Amino acid sequence: MTQTPPEQGDRPNEPTLTDVVNRLDKLSTEVERFNDRFSNYQQATQWVVQLAFTLIASATITVIVTAVLRR
């Protein structure tokens, strides 16, 4: 039992070179958006860390100054 190769009209939808290029362009755009989002999250995280350190430093200074002035 031999199979005949599919004829031109019987082929499943194979991507053309244009389809591949368009898909690559779309993926490239999605990667750029992901990079932008990641950069935003990174900056926000750095801001939160700086805020936390500032609050800790302020509380420490307040405790020290209060302890020194009470004496």
PDB file of N, CA and C in Angstrom:
ATOM      1  N   MET A   1       0.833  -1.166   0.000  1.00  0.00           N
ATOM      2  CA  MET A   1       0.000   0.000   0.000  1.00  0.00           C
ATOM      3  C   MET A   1       0.885   1.238   0.000  1.00  0.00           C
ATOM      4  N   THR A   2       0.886   1.962  -1.035  1.00  0.00           N
ATOM      5  CA  THR A   2       1.725   3.157  -1.157  1.00  0.00           C
ATOM      6  C   THR A   2       0.856   4.392  -1.089  1.00  0.00           C
ATOM      7  N   GLN A   3       1.438   5.411  -0.498  1.00  0.00           N
ATOM      8  CA  GLN A   3       0.731   6.681  -0.428  1.00  0.00           C
ATOM      9  C   GLN A   3       1.275   7.590  -1.503  1.00  0.00           C
ATOM     10  N   THR A   4       0.393   8.291  -2.110  1.00  0.00           N
ATOM     11  CA  THR A   4       0.831   9.271  -3.095  1.00  0.00           C
ATOM     12  C   THR A   4       1.082  10.576  -2.370  1.00  0.00           C
ATOM     13  N   PRO A   5       2.109  11.289  -2.791  1.00  0.00           N
ATOM     14  CA  PRO A   5       2.374  12.575  -2.141  1.00  0.00           C
ATOM     15  C   PRO A   5       1.203  13.515  -2.345  1.00  0.00           C
ATOM     16  N   PRO A   6       0.945  14.374  -1.378  1.00  0.00           N
ATOM     17  CA  PRO A   6      -0.184  15.295  -1.532  1.00  0.00           C
ATOM     18  C   PRO A   6       0.056  16.239  -2.693  1.00  0.00           C
ATOM     19  N   GLU A   7      -1.001  16.527  -3.387  1.00  0.00           N
ATOM     20  CA  GLU A   7      -0.884  17.473  -4.500  1.00  0.00           C
ATOM     21  C   GLU A   7      -0.893  18.889  -3.954  1.00  0.00           C
ATOM     22  N   GLN A   8      -0.597  19.815  -4.807  1.00  0.00           N
ATOM     23  CA  GLN A   8      -0.455  21.215  -4.395  1.00  0.00           C
ATOM     24  C   GLN A   8      -1.696  21.697  -3.649  1.00  0.00           C
ATOM     25  N   GLY A   9      -2.879  21.372  -4.107  1.00  0.00           N
ATOM     26  CA  GLY A   9      -4.098  21.847  -3.477  1.00  0.00           C
ATOM     27  C   GLY A   9      -4.439  21.093  -2.211  1.00  0.00           C
ATOM     28  N   ASP A  10      -3.866  19.898  -2.025  1.00  0.00           N
ATOM     29  CA  ASP A  10      -4.187  19.068  -0.870  1.00  0.00           C
ATOM     30  C   ASP A  10      -3.279  19.325   0.324  1.00  0.00           C
ATOM     31  N   ARG A  11      -2.284  20.160   0.187  1.00  0.00           N
ATOM     32  CA  ARG A  11      -1.332  20.402   1.277  1.00  0.00           C
ATOM     33  C   ARG A  11      -2.009  21.085   2.447  1.00  0.00           C
ATOM     34  N   PRO A  12      -1.620  20.675   3.654  1.00  0.00           N
ATOM     35  CA  PRO A  12      -2.125  21.428   4.810  1.00  0.00           C
ATOM     36  C   PRO A  12      -1.554  22.840   4.765  1.00  0.00           C
ATOM     37  N   ASN A  13      -2.151  23.719   5.487  1.00  0.00           N
ATOM     38  CA  ASN A  13      -1.707  25.116   5.464  1.00  0.00           C
ATOM     39  C   ASN A  13      -0.298  25.231   6.013  1.00  0.00           C
ATOM     40  N   GLU A  14       0.663  25.316   5.148  1.00  0.00           N
ATOM     41  CA  GLU A  14       2.050  25.499   5.552  1.00  0.00           C
ATOM     42  C   GLU A  14       2.365  26.984   5.547  1.00  0.00           C
ATOM     43  N   PRO A  15       3.101  27.448   6.543  1.00  0.00           N
ATOM     44  CA  PRO A  15       3.411  28.883   6.568  1.00  0.00           C
ATOM     45  C   PRO A  15       4.351  29.261   5.428  1.00  0.00           C
ATOM     46  N   THR A  16       4.102  30.418   4.906  1.00  0.00           N
ATOM     47  CA  THR A  16       4.989  30.942   3.873  1.00  0.00           C
ATOM     48  C   THR A  16       6.084  31.755   4.556  1.00  0.00           C
ATOM     49  N   LEU A  17       7.057  32.154   3.790  1.00  0.00           N
ATOM     50  CA  LEU A  17       8.143  32.968   4.329  1.00  0.00           C
ATOM     51  C   LEU A  17       7.598  34.284   4.870  1.00  0.00           C
ATOM     52  N   THR A  18       6.612  34.839   4.208  1.00  0.00           N
ATOM     53  CA  THR A  18       5.994  36.077   4.675  1.00  0.00           C
ATOM     54  C   THR A  18       5.320  35.866   6.022  1.00  0.00           C
ATOM     55  N   ASP A  19       4.640  34.722   6.182  1.00  0.00           N
ATOM     56  CA  ASP A  19       4.006  34.410   7.460  1.00  0.00           C
ATOM     57  C   ASP A  19       5.048  34.324   8.576  1.00  0.00           C
ATOM     58  N   VAL A  20       6.157  33.673   8.282  1.00  0.00           N
ATOM     59  CA  VAL A  20       7.221  33.520   9.276  1.00  0.00           C
ATOM     60  C   VAL A  20       7.796  34.883   9.662  1.00  0.00           C
ATOM     61  N   VAL A  21       8.046  35.731   8.680  1.00  0.00           N
ATOM     62  CA  VAL A  21       8.593  37.067   8.948  1.00  0.00           C
ATOM     63  C   VAL A  21       7.605  37.877   9.777  1.00  0.00           C
ATOM     64  N   ASN A  22       6.318  37.807   9.422  1.00  0.00           N
ATOM     65  CA  ASN A  22       5.302  38.545  10.179  1.00  0.00           C
ATOM     66  C   ASN A  22       5.236  38.051  11.626  1.00  0.00           C
ATOM     67  N   ARG A  23       5.330  36.756  11.815  1.00  0.00           N
ATOM     68  CA  ARG A  23       5.294  36.189  13.164  1.00  0.00           C
ATOM     69  C   ARG A  23       6.519  36.629  13.965  1.00  0.00           C
ATOM     70  N   LEU A  24       7.690  36.644  13.308  1.00  0.00           N
ATOM     71  CA  LEU A  24       8.907  37.105  13.983  1.00  0.00           C
ATOM     72  C   LEU A  24       8.793  38.568  14.387  1.00  0.00           C
ATOM     73  N   ASP A  25       8.204  39.386  13.502  1.00  0.00           N
ATOM     74  CA  ASP A  25       8.002  40.803  13.836  1.00  0.00           C
ATOM     75  C   ASP A  25       7.082  40.938  15.044  1.00  0.00           C
ATOM     76  N   LYS A  26       6.021  40.138  15.070  1.00  0.00           N
ATOM     77  CA  LYS A  26       5.089  40.180  16.190  1.00  0.00           C
ATOM     78  C   LYS A  26       5.783  39.751  17.484  1.00  0.00           C
ATOM     79  N   LEU A  27       6.580  38.691  17.423  1.00  0.00           N
ATOM     80  CA  LEU A  27       7.306  38.236  18.601  1.00  0.00           C
ATOM     81  C   LEU A  27       8.304  39.290  19.068  1.00  0.00           C
ATOM     82  N   SER A  28       8.948  39.938  18.119  1.00  0.00           N
ATOM     83  CA  SER A  28       9.906  40.991  18.462  1.00  0.00           C
ATOM     84  C   SER A  28       9.212  42.128  19.204  1.00  0.00           C
ATOM     85  N   THR A  29       8.022  42.491  18.735  1.00  0.00           N
ATOM     86  CA  THR A  29       7.246  43.546  19.396  1.00  0.00           C
ATOM     87  C   THR A  29       6.855  43.121  20.805  1.00  0.00           C
ATOM     88  N   GLU A  30       6.449  41.857  20.959  1.00  0.00           N
ATOM     89  CA  GLU A  30       6.066  41.368  22.280  1.00  0.00           C
ATOM     90  C   GLU A  30       7.261  41.352  23.226  1.00  0.00           C
ATOM     91  N   VAL A  31       8.439  41.014  22.717  1.00  0.00           N
ATOM     92  CA  VAL A  31       9.643  41.011  23.546  1.00  0.00           C
ATOM     93  C   VAL A  31       9.968  42.433  23.991  1.00  0.00           C
ATOM     94  N   GLU A  32       9.813  43.398  23.100  1.00  0.00           N
ATOM     95  CA  GLU A  32      10.066  44.797  23.464  1.00  0.00           C
ATOM     96  C   GLU A  32       9.105  45.246  24.562  1.00  0.00           C
ATOM     97  N   ARG A  33       7.822  44.868  24.438  1.00  0.00           N
ATOM     98  CA  ARG A  33       6.840  45.220  25.463  1.00  0.00           C
ATOM     99  C   ARG A  33       7.189  44.557  26.789  1.00  0.00           C
ATOM    100  N   PHE A  34       7.620  43.307  26.736  1.00  0.00           N
ATOM    101  CA  PHE A  34       8.019  42.607  27.961  1.00  0.00           C
ATOM    102  C   PHE A  34       9.211  43.302  28.605  1.00  0.00           C
ATOM    103  N   ASN A  35      10.188  43.696  27.794  1.00  0.00           N
ATOM    104  CA  ASN A  35      11.367  44.388  28.321  1.00  0.00           C
ATOM    105  C   ASN A  35      10.979  45.711  28.979  1.00  0.00           C
ATOM    106  N   ASP A  36      10.046  46.436  28.353  1.00  0.00           N
ATOM    107  CA  ASP A  36       9.577  47.693  28.939  1.00  0.00           C
ATOM    108  C   ASP A  36       8.900  47.443  30.284  1.00  0.00           C
ATOM    109  N   ARG A  37       8.032  46.418  30.317  1.00  0.00           N
ATOM    110  CA  ARG A  37       7.342  46.086  31.560  1.00  0.00           C
ATOM    111  C   ARG A  37       8.323  45.664  32.647  1.00  0.00           C
ATOM    112  N   PHE A  38       9.294  44.850  32.265  1.00  0.00           N
ATOM    113  CA  PHE A  38      10.294  44.392  33.225  1.00  0.00           C
ATOM    114  C   PHE A  38      11.086  45.574  33.770  1.00  0.00           C
ATOM    115  N   SER A  39      11.435  46.494  32.894  1.00  0.00           N
ATOM    116  CA  SER A  39      12.176  47.685  33.317  1.00  0.00           C
ATOM    117  C   SER A  39      11.350  48.506  34.307  1.00  0.00           C
ATOM    118  N   ASN A  40      10.055  48.639  34.035  1.00  0.00           N
ATOM    119  CA  ASN A  40       9.182  49.377  34.955  1.00  0.00           C
ATOM    120  C   ASN A  40       9.107  48.697  36.313  1.00  0.00           C
ATOM    121  N   TYR A  41       8.960  47.379  36.324  1.00  0.00           N
ATOM    122  CA  TYR A  41       8.906  46.642  37.592  1.00  0.00           C
ATOM    123  C   TYR A  41      10.218  46.770  38.352  1.00  0.00           C
ATOM    124  N   GLN A  42      11.329  46.733  37.615  1.00  0.00           N
ATOM    125  CA  GLN A  42      12.638  46.853  38.259  1.00  0.00           C
ATOM    126  C   GLN A  42      12.782  48.229  38.906  1.00  0.00           C
ATOM    127  N   GLN A  43      12.381  49.274  38.203  1.00  0.00           N
ATOM    128  CA  GLN A  43      12.466  50.620  38.762  1.00  0.00           C
ATOM    129  C   GLN A  43      11.552  50.769  39.973  1.00  0.00           C
ATOM    130  N   ALA A  44      10.356  50.205  39.900  1.00  0.00           N
ATOM    131  CA  ALA A  44       9.428  50.286  41.029  1.00  0.00           C
ATOM    132  C   ALA A  44       9.997  49.549  42.240  1.00  0.00           C
ATOM    133  N   THR A  45      10.612  48.406  42.004  1.00  0.00           N
ATOM    134  CA  THR A  45      11.207  47.642  43.106  1.00  0.00           C
ATOM    135  C   THR A  45      12.335  48.432  43.746  1.00  0.00           C
ATOM    136  N   GLN A  46      13.172  49.050  42.938  1.00  0.00           N
ATOM    137  CA  GLN A  46      14.260  49.863  43.480  1.00  0.00           C
ATOM    138  C   GLN A  46      13.717  51.028  44.302  1.00  0.00           C
ATOM    139  N   TRP A  47      12.626  51.630  43.844  1.00  0.00           N
ATOM    140  CA  TRP A  47      12.020  52.740  44.566  1.00  0.00           C
ATOM    141  C   TRP A  47      11.500  52.270  45.920  1.00  0.00           C
ATOM    142  N   VAL A  48      10.848  51.106  45.944  1.00  0.00           N
ATOM    143  CA  VAL A  48      10.316  50.568  47.206  1.00  0.00           C
ATOM    144  C   VAL A  48      11.453  50.256  48.174  1.00  0.00           C
ATOM    145  N   VAL A  49      12.553  49.686  47.673  1.00  0.00           N
ATOM    146  CA  VAL A  49      13.697  49.376  48.532  1.00  0.00           C
ATOM    147  C   VAL A  49      14.294  50.663  49.099  1.00  0.00           C
ATOM    148  N   GLN A  50      14.439  51.687  48.279  1.00  0.00           N
ATOM    149  CA  GLN A  50      14.967  52.963  48.772  1.00  0.00           C
ATOM    150  C   GLN A  50      14.044  53.564  49.830  1.00  0.00           C
ATOM    151  N   LEU A  51      12.750  53.473  49.596  1.00  0.00           N
ATOM    152  CA  LEU A  51      11.786  53.984  50.566  1.00  0.00           C
ATOM    153  C   LEU A  51      11.897  53.235  51.887  1.00  0.00           C
ATOM    154  N   ALA A  52      12.023  51.924  51.816  1.00  0.00           N
ATOM    155  CA  ALA A  52      12.142  51.119  53.035  1.00  0.00           C
ATOM    156  C   ALA A  52      13.399  51.506  53.813  1.00  0.00           C
ATOM    157  N   PHE A  53      14.529  51.636  53.128  1.00  0.00           N
ATOM    158  CA  PHE A  53      15.761  52.025  53.812  1.00  0.00           C
ATOM    159  C   PHE A  53      15.650  53.423  54.416  1.00  0.00           C
ATOM    160  N   THR A  54      14.992  54.320  53.707  1.00  0.00           N
ATOM    161  CA  THR A  54      14.806  55.676  54.229  1.00  0.00           C
ATOM    162  C   THR A  54      13.964  55.655  55.498  1.00  0.00           C
ATOM    163  N   LEU A  55      12.890  54.880  55.491  1.00  0.00           N
ATOM    164  CA  LEU A  55      12.040  54.791  56.676  1.00  0.00           C
ATOM    165  C   LEU A  55      12.779  54.170  57.854  1.00  0.00           C
ATOM    166  N   ILE A  56      13.558  53.127  57.585  1.00  0.00           N
ATOM    167  CA  ILE A  56      14.343  52.493  58.651  1.00  0.00           C
ATOM    168  C   ILE A  56      15.363  53.472  59.216  1.00  0.00           C
ATOM    169  N   ALA A  57      16.054  54.200  58.322  1.00  0.00           N
ATOM    170  CA  ALA A  57      17.056  55.168  58.779  1.00  0.00           C
ATOM    171  C   ALA A  57      16.400  56.277  59.591  1.00  0.00           C
ATOM    172  N   SER A  58      15.247  56.762  59.134  1.00  0.00           N
ATOM    173  CA  SER A  58      14.546  57.830  59.869  1.00  0.00           C
ATOM    174  C   SER A  58      14.113  57.356  61.248  1.00  0.00           C
ATOM    175  N   ALA A  59      13.590  56.148  61.308  1.00  0.00           N
ATOM    176  CA  ALA A  59      13.164  55.617  62.609  1.00  0.00           C
ATOM    177  C   ALA A  59      14.353  55.434  63.535  1.00  0.00           C
ATOM    178  N   THR A  60      15.469  54.967  63.003  1.00  0.00           N
ATOM    179  CA  THR A  60      16.675  54.776  63.816  1.00  0.00           C
ATOM    180  C   THR A  60      17.178  56.106  64.354  1.00  0.00           C
ATOM    181  N   ILE A  61      17.242  57.097  63.505  1.00  0.00           N
ATOM    182  CA  ILE A  61      17.709  58.431  63.930  1.00  0.00           C
ATOM    183  C   ILE A  61      16.771  59.009  64.979  1.00  0.00           C
ATOM    184  N   THR A  62      15.474  58.829  64.773  1.00  0.00           N
ATOM    185  CA  THR A  62      14.494  59.340  65.745  1.00  0.00           C
ATOM    186  C   THR A  62      14.681  58.690  67.107  1.00  0.00           C
ATOM    187  N   VAL A  63      14.882  57.387  67.125  1.00  0.00           N
ATOM    188  CA  VAL A  63      15.089  56.683  68.397  1.00  0.00           C
ATOM    189  C   VAL A  63      16.359  57.156  69.071  1.00  0.00           C
ATOM    190  N   ILE A  64      17.430  57.317  68.308  1.00  0.00           N
ATOM    191  CA  ILE A  64      18.708  57.746  68.880  1.00  0.00           C
ATOM    192  C   ILE A  64      18.601  59.167  69.421  1.00  0.00           C
ATOM    193  N   VAL A  65      18.037  60.067  68.646  1.00  0.00           N
ATOM    194  CA  VAL A  65      17.916  61.463  69.077  1.00  0.00           C
ATOM    195  C   VAL A  65      17.023  61.552  70.310  1.00  0.00           C
ATOM    196  N   THR A  66      15.937  60.829  70.317  1.00  0.00           N
ATOM    197  CA  THR A  66      15.044  60.837  71.480  1.00  0.00           C
ATOM    198  C   THR A  66      15.761  60.327  72.721  1.00  0.00           C
ATOM    199  N   ALA A  67      16.524  59.264  72.577  1.00  0.00           N
ATOM    200  CA  ALA A  67      17.246  58.686  73.724  1.00  0.00           C
ATOM    201  C   ALA A  67      18.313  59.645  74.240  1.00  0.00           C
ATOM    202  N   VAL A  68      18.983  60.351  73.347  1.00  0.00           N
ATOM    203  CA  VAL A  68      20.032  61.282  73.753  1.00  0.00           C
ATOM    204  C   VAL A  68      19.426  62.517  74.409  1.00  0.00           C
ATOM    205  N   LEU A  69      18.346  63.044  73.902  1.00  0.00           N
ATOM    206  CA  LEU A  69      17.744  64.274  74.440  1.00  0.00           C
ATOM    207  C   LEU A  69      17.067  64.039  75.793  1.00  0.00           C
ATOM    208  N   ARG A  70      16.656  62.831  76.101  1.00  0.00           N
ATOM    209  CA  ARG A  70      15.993  62.556  77.377  1.00  0.00           C
ATOM    210  C   ARG A  70      16.985  62.550  78.532  1.00  0.00           C
ATOM    211  N   ARG A  71      18.229  62.420  78.267  1.00  0.00           N
ATOM    212  CA  ARG A  71      19.231  62.342  79.348  1.00  0.00           C
ATOM    213  C   ARG A  71      19.553  63.671  79.861  1.00  0.00           C
TER     214      ARG A  71
END
